[in-house]
């Protein structure tokens, strides 16, 4: 699979509780049964997103197109981190109080060589 698949596998192998976030239920069985995710969240379901607010420590965002960050920032706990890994060719924006009030971090990572990945 892609970066998201690897993220789930690595996080699970490290003993983390993993929630997969997707825009629909299409990938639920794969995420839960094949990759071993602990939970599945549909980002287009406002009730699910509201119920999950302030519940995640990290989000690895692999979406490779411009998208709003606020829905994901709202999911992060205090001091949570949003790690951007999808290469997006246009500027992203967000409402700064969402970051400031929760002491949240937006950062990025670029997949590198095998040596970097192993590190």
PDB file of N, CA and C in Angstrom:
ATOM      1  N   UNK A   1       0.794  -1.191   0.000  1.00  0.00           N
ATOM      2  CA  UNK A   1       0.000   0.000   0.000  1.00  0.00           C
ATOM      3  C   UNK A   1       0.838   1.256   0.000  1.00  0.00           C
ATOM      4  N   UNK A   2       0.167   2.338   0.278  1.00  0.00           N
ATOM      5  CA  UNK A   2       0.793   3.652   0.270  1.00  0.00           C
ATOM      6  C   UNK A   2       1.318   4.076   1.620  1.00  0.00           C
ATOM      7  N   UNK A   3       1.572   5.355   1.750  1.00  0.00           N
ATOM      8  CA  UNK A   3       2.133   5.920   2.978  1.00  0.00           C
ATOM      9  C   UNK A   3       1.203   5.685   4.166  1.00  0.00           C
ATOM     10  N   UNK A   4      -0.088   5.858   3.952  1.00  0.00           N
ATOM     11  CA  UNK A   4      -1.048   5.629   5.037  1.00  0.00           C
ATOM     12  C   UNK A   4      -1.016   4.196   5.539  1.00  0.00           C
ATOM     13  N   UNK A   5      -0.942   3.252   4.602  1.00  0.00           N
ATOM     14  CA  UNK A   5      -0.858   1.838   4.978  1.00  0.00           C
ATOM     15  C   UNK A   5       0.376   1.597   5.844  1.00  0.00           C
ATOM     16  N   UNK A   6       1.500   2.138   5.409  1.00  0.00           N
ATOM     17  CA  UNK A   6       2.746   1.951   6.157  1.00  0.00           C
ATOM     18  C   UNK A   6       2.655   2.617   7.532  1.00  0.00           C
ATOM     19  N   UNK A   7       2.030   3.779   7.590  1.00  0.00           N
ATOM     20  CA  UNK A   7       1.851   4.463   8.873  1.00  0.00           C
ATOM     21  C   UNK A   7       1.089   3.610   9.862  1.00  0.00           C
ATOM     22  N   UNK A   8       0.021   2.985   9.405  1.00  0.00           N
ATOM     23  CA  UNK A   8      -0.764   2.110  10.283  1.00  0.00           C
ATOM     24  C   UNK A   8       0.085   0.941  10.748  1.00  0.00           C
ATOM     25  N   UNK A   9       0.778   0.298   9.819  1.00  0.00           N
ATOM     26  CA  UNK A   9       1.588  -0.877  10.165  1.00  0.00           C
ATOM     27  C   UNK A   9       2.697  -0.530  11.157  1.00  0.00           C
ATOM     28  N   UNK A  10       3.403   0.576  10.904  1.00  0.00           N
ATOM     29  CA  UNK A  10       4.504   0.967  11.794  1.00  0.00           C
ATOM     30  C   UNK A  10       3.962   1.330  13.171  1.00  0.00           C
ATOM     31  N   UNK A  11       2.903   2.132  13.210  1.00  0.00           N
ATOM     32  CA  UNK A  11       2.340   2.546  14.502  1.00  0.00           C
ATOM     33  C   UNK A  11       1.840   1.336  15.295  1.00  0.00           C
ATOM     34  N   UNK A  12       1.175   0.405  14.632  1.00  0.00           N
ATOM     35  CA  UNK A  12       0.697  -0.801  15.327  1.00  0.00           C
ATOM     36  C   UNK A  12       1.867  -1.625  15.847  1.00  0.00           C
ATOM     37  N   UNK A  13       2.936  -1.747  15.047  1.00  0.00           N
ATOM     38  CA  UNK A  13       4.088  -2.540  15.492  1.00  0.00           C
ATOM     39  C   UNK A  13       4.786  -1.902  16.688  1.00  0.00           C
ATOM     40  N   UNK A  14       4.583  -0.588  16.854  1.00  0.00           N
ATOM     41  CA  UNK A  14       5.164   0.121  17.998  1.00  0.00           C
ATOM     42  C   UNK A  14       4.228   0.121  19.210  1.00  0.00           C
ATOM     43  N   UNK A  15       3.063  -0.521  19.066  1.00  0.00           N
ATOM     44  CA  UNK A  15       2.136  -0.654  20.186  1.00  0.00           C
ATOM     45  C   UNK A  15       1.138   0.481  20.339  1.00  0.00           C
ATOM     46  N   UNK A  16       0.993   1.333  19.330  1.00  0.00           N
ATOM     47  CA  UNK A  16       0.063   2.457  19.423  1.00  0.00           C
ATOM     48  C   UNK A  16      -1.368   2.041  19.107  1.00  0.00           C
ATOM     49  N   UNK A  17      -2.316   2.770  19.679  1.00  0.00           N
ATOM     50  CA  UNK A  17      -3.726   2.667  19.314  1.00  0.00           C
ATOM     51  C   UNK A  17      -3.883   3.502  18.052  1.00  0.00           C
ATOM     52  N   UNK A  18      -4.362   2.904  16.964  1.00  0.00           N
ATOM     53  CA  UNK A  18      -4.387   3.567  15.663  1.00  0.00           C
ATOM     54  C   UNK A  18      -5.826   3.767  15.178  1.00  0.00           C
ATOM     55  N   UNK A  19      -6.114   5.007  14.809  1.00  0.00           N
ATOM     56  CA  UNK A  19      -7.391   5.351  14.195  1.00  0.00           C
ATOM     57  C   UNK A  19      -7.123   5.754  12.751  1.00  0.00           C
ATOM     58  N   UNK A  20      -7.778   5.106  11.813  1.00  0.00           N
ATOM     59  CA  UNK A  20      -7.679   5.481  10.407  1.00  0.00           C
ATOM     60  C   UNK A  20      -8.798   6.480  10.126  1.00  0.00           C
ATOM     61  N   UNK A  21      -8.454   7.573   9.447  1.00  0.00           N
ATOM     62  CA  UNK A  21      -9.433   8.581   9.061  1.00  0.00           C
ATOM     63  C   UNK A  21      -9.537   8.563   7.541  1.00  0.00           C
ATOM     64  N   UNK A  22     -10.761   8.446   7.036  1.00  0.00           N
ATOM     65  CA  UNK A  22     -10.990   8.465   5.602  1.00  0.00           C
ATOM     66  C   UNK A  22     -12.295   9.196   5.331  1.00  0.00           C
ATOM     67  N   UNK A  23     -12.489   9.616   4.083  1.00  0.00           N
ATOM     68  CA  UNK A  23     -13.669  10.409   3.745  1.00  0.00           C
ATOM     69  C   UNK A  23     -14.942   9.577   3.582  1.00  0.00           C
ATOM     70  N   UNK A  24     -14.806   8.254   3.512  1.00  0.00           N
ATOM     71  CA  UNK A  24     -15.982   7.383   3.372  1.00  0.00           C
ATOM     72  C   UNK A  24     -15.694   6.055   4.070  1.00  0.00           C
ATOM     73  N   UNK A  25     -16.680   5.182   4.046  1.00  0.00           N
ATOM     74  CA  UNK A  25     -16.525   3.855   4.650  1.00  0.00           C
ATOM     75  C   UNK A  25     -15.852   2.847   3.723  1.00  0.00           C
ATOM     76  N   UNK A  26     -15.477   3.251   2.504  1.00  0.00           N
ATOM     77  CA  UNK A  26     -14.956   2.315   1.505  1.00  0.00           C
ATOM     78  C   UNK A  26     -13.728   1.534   1.984  1.00  0.00           C
ATOM     79  N   UNK A  27     -12.899   2.141   2.808  1.00  0.00           N
ATOM     80  CA  UNK A  27     -11.645   1.494   3.211  1.00  0.00           C
ATOM     81  C   UNK A  27     -11.714   0.883   4.614  1.00  0.00           C
ATOM     82  N   UNK A  28     -12.906   0.891   5.222  1.00  0.00           N
ATOM     83  CA  UNK A  28     -13.045   0.418   6.606  1.00  0.00           C
ATOM     84  C   UNK A  28     -12.565  -1.022   6.784  1.00  0.00           C
ATOM     85  N   UNK A  29     -13.043  -1.952   5.965  1.00  0.00           N
ATOM     86  CA  UNK A  29     -12.667  -3.360   6.128  1.00  0.00           C
ATOM     87  C   UNK A  29     -11.168  -3.546   5.971  1.00  0.00           C
ATOM     88  N   UNK A  30     -10.593  -2.896   4.982  1.00  0.00           N
ATOM     89  CA  UNK A  30      -9.150  -3.010   4.773  1.00  0.00           C
ATOM     90  C   UNK A  30      -8.386  -2.465   5.978  1.00  0.00           C
ATOM     91  N   UNK A  31      -8.794  -1.301   6.462  1.00  0.00           N
ATOM     92  CA  UNK A  31      -8.110  -0.673   7.597  1.00  0.00           C
ATOM     93  C   UNK A  31      -8.201  -1.529   8.857  1.00  0.00           C
ATOM     94  N   UNK A  32      -9.383  -2.021   9.131  1.00  0.00           N
ATOM     95  CA  UNK A  32      -9.601  -2.763  10.369  1.00  0.00           C
ATOM     96  C   UNK A  32      -9.110  -4.216  10.275  1.00  0.00           C
ATOM     97  N   UNK A  33      -9.485  -4.901   9.210  1.00  0.00           N
ATOM     98  CA  UNK A  33      -9.196  -6.332   9.100  1.00  0.00           C
ATOM     99  C   UNK A  33      -7.798  -6.630   8.583  1.00  0.00           C
ATOM    100  N   UNK A  34      -7.375  -5.911   7.543  1.00  0.00           N
ATOM    101  CA  UNK A  34      -6.085  -6.204   6.916  1.00  0.00           C
ATOM    102  C   UNK A  34      -4.915  -5.498   7.601  1.00  0.00           C
ATOM    103  N   UNK A  35      -5.128  -4.237   7.990  1.00  0.00           N
ATOM    104  CA  UNK A  35      -4.026  -3.454   8.562  1.00  0.00           C
ATOM    105  C   UNK A  35      -4.021  -3.464  10.084  1.00  0.00           C
ATOM    106  N   UNK A  36      -5.123  -3.835  10.702  1.00  0.00           N
ATOM    107  CA  UNK A  36      -5.172  -3.945  12.157  1.00  0.00           C
ATOM    108  C   UNK A  36      -5.460  -2.653  12.892  1.00  0.00           C
ATOM    109  N   UNK A  37      -6.072  -1.674  12.216  1.00  0.00           N
ATOM    110  CA  UNK A  37      -6.421  -0.428  12.906  1.00  0.00           C
ATOM    111  C   UNK A  37      -7.387  -0.725  14.045  1.00  0.00           C
ATOM    112  N   UNK A  38      -7.321   0.098  15.067  1.00  0.00           N
ATOM    113  CA  UNK A  38      -8.186  -0.072  16.233  1.00  0.00           C
ATOM    114  C   UNK A  38      -9.524   0.638  16.070  1.00  0.00           C
ATOM    115  N   UNK A  39      -9.533   1.699  15.271  1.00  0.00           N
ATOM    116  CA  UNK A  39     -10.752   2.486  15.068  1.00  0.00           C
ATOM    117  C   UNK A  39     -10.736   3.074  13.667  1.00  0.00           C
ATOM    118  N   UNK A  40     -11.905   3.495  13.210  1.00  0.00           N
ATOM    119  CA  UNK A  40     -12.060   4.053  11.871  1.00  0.00           C
ATOM    120  C   UNK A  40     -12.986   5.249  11.979  1.00  0.00           C
ATOM    121  N   UNK A  41     -12.564   6.356  11.427  1.00  0.00           N
ATOM    122  CA  UNK A  41     -13.311   7.603  11.525  1.00  0.00           C
ATOM    123  C   UNK A  41     -13.603   8.129  10.121  1.00  0.00           C
ATOM    124  N   UNK A  42     -14.858   8.423   9.832  1.00  0.00           N
ATOM    125  CA  UNK A  42     -15.248   8.965   8.535  1.00  0.00           C
ATOM    126  C   UNK A  42     -15.269  10.482   8.649  1.00  0.00           C
ATOM    127  N   UNK A  43     -14.356  11.140   7.938  1.00  0.00           N
ATOM    128  CA  UNK A  43     -14.196  12.588   8.072  1.00  0.00           C
ATOM    129  C   UNK A  43     -15.383  13.380   7.546  1.00  0.00           C
ATOM    130  N   UNK A  44     -16.182  12.776   6.675  1.00  0.00           N
ATOM    131  CA  UNK A  44     -17.362  13.467   6.154  1.00  0.00           C
ATOM    132  C   UNK A  44     -18.580  13.313   7.067  1.00  0.00           C
ATOM    133  N   UNK A  45     -18.448  12.554   8.144  1.00  0.00           N
ATOM    134  CA  UNK A  45     -19.528  12.339   9.104  1.00  0.00           C
ATOM    135  C   UNK A  45     -19.336  13.307  10.275  1.00  0.00           C
ATOM    136  N   UNK A  46     -20.114  14.379  10.293  1.00  0.00           N
ATOM    137  CA  UNK A  46     -19.944  15.426  11.299  1.00  0.00           C
ATOM    138  C   UNK A  46     -20.109  14.904  12.728  1.00  0.00           C
ATOM    139  N   UNK A  47     -21.025  13.972  12.930  1.00  0.00           N
ATOM    140  CA  UNK A  47     -21.239  13.422  14.275  1.00  0.00           C
ATOM    141  C   UNK A  47     -20.020  12.639  14.752  1.00  0.00           C
ATOM    142  N   UNK A  48     -19.446  11.830  13.863  1.00  0.00           N
ATOM    143  CA  UNK A  48     -18.244  11.068  14.227  1.00  0.00           C
ATOM    144  C   UNK A  48     -17.080  12.010  14.528  1.00  0.00           C
ATOM    145  N   UNK A  49     -16.914  13.031  13.702  1.00  0.00           N
ATOM    146  CA  UNK A  49     -15.816  13.984  13.903  1.00  0.00           C
ATOM    147  C   UNK A  49     -15.993  14.731  15.220  1.00  0.00           C
ATOM    148  N   UNK A  50     -17.208  15.131  15.521  1.00  0.00           N
ATOM    149  CA  UNK A  50     -17.478  15.850  16.776  1.00  0.00           C
ATOM    150  C   UNK A  50     -17.202  14.949  17.978  1.00  0.00           C
ATOM    151  N   UNK A  51     -17.584  13.691  17.879  1.00  0.00           N
ATOM    152  CA  UNK A  51     -17.360  12.748  18.981  1.00  0.00           C
ATOM    153  C   UNK A  51     -15.877  12.471  19.204  1.00  0.00           C
ATOM    154  N   UNK A  52     -15.070  12.631  18.170  1.00  0.00           N
ATOM    155  CA  UNK A  52     -13.632  12.332  18.260  1.00  0.00           C
ATOM    156  C   UNK A  52     -12.779  13.554  18.585  1.00  0.00           C
ATOM    157  N   UNK A  53     -13.390  14.720  18.774  1.00  0.00           N
ATOM    158  CA  UNK A  53     -12.615  15.935  19.067  1.00  0.00           C
ATOM    159  C   UNK A  53     -11.719  15.732  20.293  1.00  0.00           C
ATOM    160  N   UNK A  54     -10.522  16.310  20.228  1.00  0.00           N
ATOM    161  CA  UNK A  54      -9.566  16.267  21.348  1.00  0.00           C
ATOM    162  C   UNK A  54      -9.215  14.846  21.784  1.00  0.00           C
ATOM    163  N   UNK A  55      -9.139  13.910  20.835  1.00  0.00           N
ATOM    164  CA  UNK A  55      -8.895  12.515  21.226  1.00  0.00           C
ATOM    165  C   UNK A  55      -7.601  11.917  20.679  1.00  0.00           C
ATOM    166  N   UNK A  56      -6.930  12.604  19.749  1.00  0.00           N
ATOM    167  CA  UNK A  56      -5.753  12.013  19.113  1.00  0.00           C
ATOM    168  C   UNK A  56      -4.474  12.765  19.485  1.00  0.00           C
ATOM    169  N   UNK A  57      -3.396  12.034  19.641  1.00  0.00           N
ATOM    170  CA  UNK A  57      -2.097  12.634  19.944  1.00  0.00           C
ATOM    171  C   UNK A  57      -1.387  13.107  18.675  1.00  0.00           C
ATOM    172  N   UNK A  58      -1.495  12.323  17.609  1.00  0.00           N
ATOM    173  CA  UNK A  58      -0.832  12.612  16.337  1.00  0.00           C
ATOM    174  C   UNK A  58      -1.782  12.286  15.199  1.00  0.00           C
ATOM    175  N   UNK A  59      -1.631  13.010  14.111  1.00  0.00           N
ATOM    176  CA  UNK A  59      -2.299  12.646  12.870  1.00  0.00           C
ATOM    177  C   UNK A  59      -1.242  12.686  11.775  1.00  0.00           C
ATOM    178  N   UNK A  60      -1.133  11.598  11.041  1.00  0.00           N
ATOM    179  CA  UNK A  60      -0.267  11.561   9.874  1.00  0.00           C
ATOM    180  C   UNK A  60      -1.179  11.794   8.683  1.00  0.00           C
ATOM    181  N   UNK A  61      -1.082  12.967   8.103  1.00  0.00           N
ATOM    182  CA  UNK A  61      -1.960  13.406   7.015  1.00  0.00           C
ATOM    183  C   UNK A  61      -1.287  13.107   5.686  1.00  0.00           C
ATOM    184  N   UNK A  62      -1.827  12.146   4.951  1.00  0.00           N
ATOM    185  CA  UNK A  62      -1.230  11.725   3.676  1.00  0.00           C
ATOM    186  C   UNK A  62      -2.008  12.236   2.468  1.00  0.00           C
ATOM    187  N   UNK A  63      -2.961  13.135   2.682  1.00  0.00           N
ATOM    188  CA  UNK A  63      -3.791  13.649   1.587  1.00  0.00           C
ATOM    189  C   UNK A  63      -2.926  14.508   0.663  1.00  0.00           C
ATOM    190  N   UNK A  64      -2.844  14.173  -0.637  1.00  0.00           N
ATOM    191  CA  UNK A  64      -1.944  14.885  -1.547  1.00  0.00           C
ATOM    192  C   UNK A  64      -2.586  16.050  -2.306  1.00  0.00           C
ATOM    193  N   UNK A  65      -3.711  16.549  -1.817  1.00  0.00           N
ATOM    194  CA  UNK A  65      -4.372  17.703  -2.438  1.00  0.00           C
ATOM    195  C   UNK A  65      -4.744  18.701  -1.350  1.00  0.00           C
ATOM    196  N   UNK A  66      -4.957  19.954  -1.759  1.00  0.00           N
ATOM    197  CA  UNK A  66      -5.331  20.992  -0.803  1.00  0.00           C
ATOM    198  C   UNK A  66      -6.623  20.599  -0.084  1.00  0.00           C
ATOM    199  N   UNK A  67      -6.628  20.759   1.230  1.00  0.00           N
ATOM    200  CA  UNK A  67      -7.796  20.429   2.044  1.00  0.00           C
ATOM    201  C   UNK A  67      -7.752  21.255   3.324  1.00  0.00           C
ATOM    202  N   UNK A  68      -8.901  21.462   3.946  1.00  0.00           N
ATOM    203  CA  UNK A  68      -8.919  22.243   5.192  1.00  0.00           C
ATOM    204  C   UNK A  68      -8.253  21.460   6.327  1.00  0.00           C
ATOM    205  N   UNK A  69      -7.454  22.148   7.112  1.00  0.00           N
ATOM    206  CA  UNK A  69      -6.768  21.502   8.231  1.00  0.00           C
ATOM    207  C   UNK A  69      -7.577  21.546   9.521  1.00  0.00           C
ATOM    208  N   UNK A  70      -8.496  22.497   9.638  1.00  0.00           N
ATOM    209  CA  UNK A  70      -9.245  22.676  10.879  1.00  0.00           C
ATOM    210  C   UNK A  70      -9.958  21.412  11.378  1.00  0.00           C
ATOM    211  N   UNK A  71     -10.613  20.640  10.511  1.00  0.00           N
ATOM    212  CA  UNK A  71     -11.271  19.434  11.029  1.00  0.00           C
ATOM    213  C   UNK A  71     -10.298  18.463  11.699  1.00  0.00           C
ATOM    214  N   UNK A  72      -9.078  18.417  11.193  1.00  0.00           N
ATOM    215  CA  UNK A  72      -8.082  17.508  11.753  1.00  0.00           C
ATOM    216  C   UNK A  72      -7.444  18.109  13.005  1.00  0.00           C
ATOM    217  N   UNK A  73      -7.190  19.399  12.985  1.00  0.00           N
ATOM    218  CA  UNK A  73      -6.653  20.067  14.176  1.00  0.00           C
ATOM    219  C   UNK A  73      -7.610  19.904  15.356  1.00  0.00           C
ATOM    220  N   UNK A  74      -8.908  19.915  15.088  1.00  0.00           N
ATOM    221  CA  UNK A  74      -9.898  19.756  16.152  1.00  0.00           C
ATOM    222  C   UNK A  74      -9.843  18.369  16.798  1.00  0.00           C
ATOM    223  N   UNK A  75      -9.330  17.396  16.076  1.00  0.00           N
ATOM    224  CA  UNK A  75      -9.232  16.032  16.612  1.00  0.00           C
ATOM    225  C   UNK A  75      -8.071  15.866  17.579  1.00  0.00           C
ATOM    226  N   UNK A  76      -7.102  16.776  17.515  1.00  0.00           N
ATOM    227  CA  UNK A  76      -5.893  16.636  18.325  1.00  0.00           C
ATOM    228  C   UNK A  76      -6.103  17.074  19.770  1.00  0.00           C
ATOM    229  N   UNK A  77      -5.462  16.329  20.664  1.00  0.00           N
ATOM    230  CA  UNK A  77      -5.418  16.702  22.079  1.00  0.00           C
ATOM    231  C   UNK A  77      -4.487  17.897  22.254  1.00  0.00           C
ATOM    232  N   UNK A  78      -4.431  18.428  23.448  1.00  0.00           N
ATOM    233  CA  UNK A  78      -3.454  19.457  23.801  1.00  0.00           C
ATOM    234  C   UNK A  78      -2.063  18.932  23.462  1.00  0.00           C
ATOM    235  N   UNK A  79      -1.244  19.758  22.828  1.00  0.00           N
ATOM    236  CA  UNK A  79       0.113  19.420  22.403  1.00  0.00           C
ATOM    237  C   UNK A  79       0.162  18.369  21.287  1.00  0.00           C
ATOM    238  N   UNK A  80      -0.954  18.159  20.597  1.00  0.00           N
ATOM    239  CA  UNK A  80      -1.004  17.200  19.502  1.00  0.00           C
ATOM    240  C   UNK A  80      -0.228  17.695  18.289  1.00  0.00           C
ATOM    241  N   UNK A  81       0.101  16.761  17.397  1.00  0.00           N
ATOM    242  CA  UNK A  81       0.881  17.087  16.197  1.00  0.00           C
ATOM    243  C   UNK A  81       0.182  16.592  14.947  1.00  0.00           C
ATOM    244  N   UNK A  82       0.098  17.476  13.964  1.00  0.00           N
ATOM    245  CA  UNK A  82      -0.396  17.130  12.639  1.00  0.00           C
ATOM    246  C   UNK A  82       0.822  17.059  11.727  1.00  0.00           C
ATOM    247  N   UNK A  83       1.112  15.868  11.215  1.00  0.00           N
ATOM    248  CA  UNK A  83       2.288  15.651  10.380  1.00  0.00           C
ATOM    249  C   UNK A  83       1.831  15.517   8.928  1.00  0.00           C
ATOM    250  N   UNK A  84       2.197  16.502   8.111  1.00  0.00           N
ATOM    251  CA  UNK A  84       1.821  16.501   6.700  1.00  0.00           C
ATOM    252  C   UNK A  84       2.819  15.663   5.904  1.00  0.00           C
ATOM    253  N   UNK A  85       2.299  14.690   5.154  1.00  0.00           N
ATOM    254  CA  UNK A  85       3.158  13.853   4.332  1.00  0.00           C
ATOM    255  C   UNK A  85       2.721  13.819   2.885  1.00  0.00           C
ATOM    256  N   UNK A  86       1.535  14.333   2.589  1.00  0.00           N
ATOM    257  CA  UNK A  86       1.075  14.415   1.210  1.00  0.00           C
ATOM    258  C   UNK A  86       1.671  15.652   0.564  1.00  0.00           C
ATOM    259  N   UNK A  87       2.290  15.503  -0.576  1.00  0.00           N
ATOM    260  CA  UNK A  87       2.897  16.636  -1.267  1.00  0.00           C
ATOM    261  C   UNK A  87       1.785  17.439  -1.937  1.00  0.00           C
ATOM    262  N   UNK A  88       1.638  18.701  -1.525  1.00  0.00           N
ATOM    263  CA  UNK A  88       0.571  19.567  -2.011  1.00  0.00           C
ATOM    264  C   UNK A  88       1.210  20.771  -2.689  1.00  0.00           C
ATOM    265  N   UNK A  89       0.806  21.042  -3.915  1.00  0.00           N
ATOM    266  CA  UNK A  89       1.467  22.070  -4.728  1.00  0.00           C
ATOM    267  C   UNK A  89       0.912  23.478  -4.520  1.00  0.00           C
ATOM    268  N   UNK A  90      -0.034  23.651  -3.616  1.00  0.00           N
ATOM    269  CA  UNK A  90      -0.556  24.990  -3.362  1.00  0.00           C
ATOM    270  C   UNK A  90      -0.573  25.261  -1.856  1.00  0.00           C
ATOM    271  N   UNK A  91      -0.569  26.535  -1.476  1.00  0.00           N
ATOM    272  CA  UNK A  91      -0.504  26.877  -0.046  1.00  0.00           C
ATOM    273  C   UNK A  91      -1.707  26.361   0.742  1.00  0.00           C
ATOM    274  N   UNK A  92      -1.437  25.904   1.937  1.00  0.00           N
ATOM    275  CA  UNK A  92      -2.492  25.503   2.863  1.00  0.00           C
ATOM    276  C   UNK A  92      -2.720  26.649   3.838  1.00  0.00           C
ATOM    277  N   UNK A  93      -3.910  26.703   4.406  1.00  0.00           N
ATOM    278  CA  UNK A  93      -4.184  27.726   5.406  1.00  0.00           C
ATOM    279  C   UNK A  93      -4.961  27.093   6.552  1.00  0.00           C
ATOM    280  N   UNK A  94      -4.946  27.777   7.684  1.00  0.00           N
ATOM    281  CA  UNK A  94      -5.677  27.308   8.848  1.00  0.00           C
ATOM    282  C   UNK A  94      -5.936  28.502   9.759  1.00  0.00           C
ATOM    283  N   UNK A  95      -6.898  28.350  10.639  1.00  0.00           N
ATOM    284  CA  UNK A  95      -7.231  29.389  11.602  1.00  0.00           C
ATOM    285  C   UNK A  95      -6.258  29.257  12.771  1.00  0.00           C
ATOM    286  N   UNK A  96      -5.418  30.258  12.970  1.00  0.00           N
ATOM    287  CA  UNK A  96      -4.316  30.144  13.926  1.00  0.00           C
ATOM    288  C   UNK A  96      -4.728  29.878  15.377  1.00  0.00           C
ATOM    289  N   UNK A  97      -5.857  30.393  15.883  1.00  0.00           N
ATOM    290  CA  UNK A  97      -6.196  30.066  17.274  1.00  0.00           C
ATOM    291  C   UNK A  97      -6.349  28.566  17.525  1.00  0.00           C
ATOM    292  N   UNK A  98      -6.702  27.806  16.506  1.00  0.00           N
ATOM    293  CA  UNK A  98      -6.829  26.357  16.691  1.00  0.00           C
ATOM    294  C   UNK A  98      -5.489  25.737  17.061  1.00  0.00           C
ATOM    295  N   UNK A  99      -4.423  26.325  16.568  1.00  0.00           N
ATOM    296  CA  UNK A  99      -3.084  25.826  16.884  1.00  0.00           C
ATOM    297  C   UNK A  99      -2.636  26.389  18.232  1.00  0.00           C
ATOM    298  N   UNK A 100      -2.817  27.682  18.401  1.00  0.00           N
ATOM    299  CA  UNK A 100      -2.338  28.361  19.610  1.00  0.00           C
ATOM    300  C   UNK A 100      -3.013  27.870  20.884  1.00  0.00           C
ATOM    301  N   UNK A 101      -4.333  27.804  20.871  1.00  0.00           N
ATOM    302  CA  UNK A 101      -5.067  27.458  22.086  1.00  0.00           C
ATOM    303  C   UNK A 101      -4.806  26.026  22.538  1.00  0.00           C
ATOM    304  N   UNK A 102      -4.513  25.151  21.614  1.00  0.00           N
ATOM    305  CA  UNK A 102      -4.242  23.767  21.984  1.00  0.00           C
ATOM    306  C   UNK A 102      -2.770  23.417  21.985  1.00  0.00           C
ATOM    307  N   UNK A 103      -1.904  24.449  21.800  1.00  0.00           N
ATOM    308  CA  UNK A 103      -0.457  24.214  21.708  1.00  0.00           C
ATOM    309  C   UNK A 103      -0.163  23.089  20.723  1.00  0.00           C
ATOM    310  N   UNK A 104      -0.841  23.138  19.591  1.00  0.00           N
ATOM    311  CA  UNK A 104      -0.701  22.090  18.583  1.00  0.00           C
ATOM    312  C   UNK A 104       0.402  22.453  17.600  1.00  0.00           C
ATOM    313  N   UNK A 105       0.949  21.444  16.963  1.00  0.00           N
ATOM    314  CA  UNK A 105       2.048  21.620  16.027  1.00  0.00           C
ATOM    315  C   UNK A 105       1.648  21.090  14.660  1.00  0.00           C
ATOM    316  N   UNK A 106       1.961  21.865  13.627  1.00  0.00           N
ATOM    317  CA  UNK A 106       1.830  21.391  12.256  1.00  0.00           C
ATOM    318  C   UNK A 106       3.249  21.250  11.729  1.00  0.00           C
ATOM    319  N   UNK A 107       3.576  20.061  11.303  1.00  0.00           N
ATOM    320  CA  UNK A 107       4.928  19.798  10.821  1.00  0.00           C
ATOM    321  C   UNK A 107       4.835  18.925   9.573  1.00  0.00           C
ATOM    322  N   UNK A 108       5.947  18.584   9.012  1.00  0.00           N
ATOM    323  CA  UNK A 108       5.944  17.753   7.821  1.00  0.00           C
ATOM    324  C   UNK A 108       7.097  16.785   7.818  1.00  0.00           C
ATOM    325  N   UNK A 109       6.967  15.784   7.002  1.00  0.00           N
ATOM    326  CA  UNK A 109       8.024  14.807   6.836  1.00  0.00           C
ATOM    327  C   UNK A 109       7.991  14.342   5.394  1.00  0.00           C
ATOM    328  N   UNK A 110       9.157  14.121   4.850  1.00  0.00           N
ATOM    329  CA  UNK A 110       9.271  13.650   3.476  1.00  0.00           C
ATOM    330  C   UNK A 110       9.910  12.277   3.535  1.00  0.00           C
ATOM    331  N   UNK A 111       9.295  11.295   2.930  1.00  0.00           N
ATOM    332  CA  UNK A 111       9.847   9.951   2.948  1.00  0.00           C
ATOM    333  C   UNK A 111      11.191   9.983   2.234  1.00  0.00           C
ATOM    334  N   UNK A 112      12.187   9.429   2.861  1.00  0.00           N
ATOM    335  CA  UNK A 112      13.522   9.463   2.296  1.00  0.00           C
ATOM    336  C   UNK A 112      14.030   8.089   1.919  1.00  0.00           C
ATOM    337  N   UNK A 113      15.306   7.932   2.082  1.00  0.00           N
ATOM    338  CA  UNK A 113      15.967   6.674   1.723  1.00  0.00           C
ATOM    339  C   UNK A 113      15.582   5.567   2.705  1.00  0.00           C
ATOM    340  N   UNK A 114      15.974   4.356   2.393  1.00  0.00           N
ATOM    341  CA  UNK A 114      15.726   3.235   3.305  1.00  0.00           C
ATOM    342  C   UNK A 114      16.414   3.502   4.643  1.00  0.00           C
ATOM    343  N   UNK A 115      17.615   4.070   4.592  1.00  0.00           N
ATOM    344  CA  UNK A 115      18.352   4.379   5.821  1.00  0.00           C
ATOM    345  C   UNK A 115      17.547   5.355   6.689  1.00  0.00           C
ATOM    346  N   UNK A 116      17.007   6.403   6.088  1.00  0.00           N
ATOM    347  CA  UNK A 116      16.198   7.373   6.840  1.00  0.00           C
ATOM    348  C   UNK A 116      14.942   6.729   7.397  1.00  0.00           C
ATOM    349  N   UNK A 117      14.302   5.882   6.617  1.00  0.00           N
ATOM    350  CA  UNK A 117      13.087   5.210   7.047  1.00  0.00           C
ATOM    351  C   UNK A 117      13.371   4.289   8.229  1.00  0.00           C
ATOM    352  N   UNK A 118      14.477   3.556   8.182  1.00  0.00           N
ATOM    353  CA  UNK A 118      14.848   2.676   9.289  1.00  0.00           C
ATOM    354  C   UNK A 118      15.168   3.468  10.538  1.00  0.00           C
ATOM    355  N   UNK A 119      15.796   4.620  10.373  1.00  0.00           N
ATOM    356  CA  UNK A 119      16.107   5.494  11.515  1.00  0.00           C
ATOM    357  C   UNK A 119      14.837   5.945  12.196  1.00  0.00           C
TER     358      UNK A 119
END
